[in-house]
Amino acid sequence: MNCYCGSLKLYSNCCEKAHKNIGEAKTAEQLMRSRYSAFVLANGDYLMQSHHPSTRPLKEKKSIVKWAKSVEWIKLEITETSKGTEKDTKGTVTFNAYFYEKGKVDVISEKSAFLKENNHWTYLGLSK
């Protein structure tokens, strides 16, 4: 099966690698894609692990998982990346995540900030 993130790779050769070992997300974009796939799969543990400790919403894990399960995910569209390569320690990824909720198509549009520490990427939050 193709990966949920839209990479045209098999899930087992794409986001599943990061879901099993966060260090497999070598770039900020790869981490963003793996987080989208984690939303599709309602993988709350990975969503928390891949969220930077300084901004991680620990008390919201159950509600995030519940919401992720309540919508039907359509697709991820990456519109821009800035830095976030294997050699960088910071990067941004601008994306649109489309989903059905209550019979309507909706979209999350965000420019996300990512930080690489201890040799792996984490989601920091909205880019300023």
Protein backbone atom coordinates (compact mmCIF):
# COMPACT_ATOMS: atom_id res chain seq x y z
CA MET A 1 0.00 0.00 0.00
CA ASN A 2 1.28 3.47 -0.85
CA CYS A 3 2.17 5.67 2.08
CA TYR A 4 -0.47 7.97 3.51
CA CYS A 5 1.85 10.97 3.10
CA GLY A 6 1.58 10.86 -0.69
CA SER A 7 5.24 10.03 -1.37
CA LEU A 8 4.34 7.18 -3.78
CA LYS A 9 6.54 4.85 -1.71
CA LEU A 10 5.13 1.92 0.20
CA TYR A 11 4.21 2.77 3.78
CA SER A 12 6.71 0.14 4.97
CA ASN A 13 9.50 1.95 3.07
CA CYS A 14 8.41 5.43 4.09
CA CYS A 15 6.65 6.73 7.20
CA GLU A 16 6.50 3.37 8.96
CA LYS A 17 10.29 3.53 9.32
CA ALA A 18 10.01 6.81 11.24
CA HIS A 19 7.07 5.48 13.26
CA LYS A 20 9.29 2.63 14.43
CA ASN A 21 12.42 4.81 14.88
CA ILE A 22 12.07 8.60 14.83
CA GLY A 23 15.71 8.90 13.75
CA GLU A 24 14.68 7.56 10.33
CA ALA A 25 13.10 10.95 9.53
CA LYS A 26 16.27 12.52 8.14
CA THR A 27 14.75 15.88 7.15
CA ALA A 28 12.09 18.22 8.50
CA GLU A 29 9.87 17.34 5.53
CA GLN A 30 10.19 13.62 6.24
CA LEU A 31 9.17 14.25 9.84
CA MET A 32 6.21 16.35 8.65
CA ARG A 33 5.13 13.54 6.34
CA SER A 34 5.48 10.97 9.12
CA ARG A 35 3.38 13.14 11.44
CA TYR A 36 0.64 13.39 8.80
CA SER A 37 0.66 9.59 8.46
CA ALA A 38 0.50 9.34 12.25
CA PHE A 39 -2.62 11.50 12.21
CA VAL A 40 -4.16 9.24 9.55
CA LEU A 41 -3.37 6.21 11.74
CA ALA A 42 -4.30 8.04 14.98
CA ASN A 43 -0.85 7.13 16.34
CA GLY A 44 -0.86 9.36 19.41
CA ASP A 45 2.37 7.95 20.81
CA TYR A 46 4.30 8.99 17.70
CA LEU A 47 2.59 12.38 17.57
CA MET A 48 3.77 13.05 21.14
CA GLN A 49 7.27 11.64 20.54
CA SER A 50 7.76 13.73 17.40
CA HIS A 51 6.56 16.92 19.11
CA HIS A 52 9.34 18.95 20.77
CA PRO A 53 9.21 18.59 24.60
CA SER A 54 8.99 22.38 25.08
CA THR A 55 5.71 22.60 23.14
CA ARG A 56 4.31 19.06 23.49
CA PRO A 57 0.62 19.05 24.51
CA LEU A 58 0.77 16.02 26.82
CA LYS A 59 -2.71 16.48 28.29
CA GLU A 60 -4.25 16.70 24.82
CA LYS A 61 -3.08 13.29 23.51
CA LYS A 62 -6.45 11.57 23.99
CA SER A 63 -8.40 14.39 22.36
CA ILE A 64 -5.95 14.53 19.42
CA VAL A 65 -6.31 10.79 18.84
CA LYS A 66 -10.10 10.99 19.16
CA TRP A 67 -10.26 13.83 16.62
CA ALA A 68 -7.82 12.11 14.23
CA LYS A 69 -10.08 9.03 14.23
CA SER A 70 -13.23 11.12 13.71
CA VAL A 71 -12.19 12.57 10.35
CA GLU A 72 -11.40 10.96 7.00
CA TRP A 73 -7.98 12.04 5.79
CA ILE A 74 -7.75 12.89 2.08
CA LYS A 75 -4.21 14.01 1.27
CA LEU A 76 -1.14 15.95 2.31
CA GLU A 77 0.21 18.69 0.09
CA ILE A 78 3.66 20.15 0.82
CA THR A 79 3.84 23.65 -0.67
CA GLU A 80 7.23 24.86 0.56
CA THR A 81 10.23 23.80 2.61
CA SER A 82 12.99 26.01 3.95
CA LYS A 83 16.18 24.46 5.30
CA GLY A 84 15.44 21.32 7.29
CA THR A 85 17.98 19.17 5.44
CA GLU A 86 20.10 16.47 7.07
CA LYS A 87 22.80 19.10 7.72
CA ASP A 88 20.48 21.71 9.26
CA THR A 89 19.22 22.02 12.83
CA LYS A 90 16.17 24.15 11.97
CA GLY A 91 13.66 24.14 9.17
CA THR A 92 10.13 24.99 8.14
CA VAL A 93 7.56 23.09 6.11
CA THR A 94 4.43 24.71 4.72
CA PHE A 95 1.62 22.27 4.04
CA ASN A 96 -2.07 21.68 3.49
CA ALA A 97 -3.67 18.62 5.08
CA TYR A 98 -7.10 17.87 3.59
CA PHE A 99 -9.79 15.87 5.37
CA TYR A 100 -13.54 15.22 5.51
CA GLU A 101 -15.32 16.20 8.70
CA LYS A 102 -19.07 16.06 9.18
CA GLY A 103 -19.67 15.72 5.44
CA LYS A 104 -17.48 18.68 4.43
CA VAL A 105 -13.96 18.97 3.07
CA ASP A 106 -11.71 21.00 5.35
CA VAL A 107 -8.02 21.81 5.33
CA ILE A 108 -5.31 22.54 7.86
CA SER A 109 -2.87 25.03 6.32
CA GLU A 110 0.24 25.63 8.33
CA LYS A 111 3.84 26.77 8.16
CA SER A 112 5.46 24.53 10.75
CA ALA A 113 8.78 24.97 12.51
CA PHE A 114 11.03 21.98 13.13
CA LEU A 115 14.11 21.58 15.30
CA LYS A 116 16.81 18.92 15.15
CA GLU A 117 18.27 17.91 18.50
CA ASN A 118 20.01 14.73 19.61
CA ASN A 119 20.26 13.77 15.95
CA HIS A 120 16.51 13.68 15.27
CA TRP A 121 13.88 16.12 14.09
CA THR A 122 10.90 17.28 16.17
CA TYR A 123 7.90 19.47 15.44
CA LEU A 124 8.19 22.75 17.33
CA GLY A 125 4.93 24.44 16.32
CA LEU A 126 3.76 27.23 14.07
CA SER A 127 6.58 29.15 12.40
CA LYS A 128 6.73 32.82 13.30
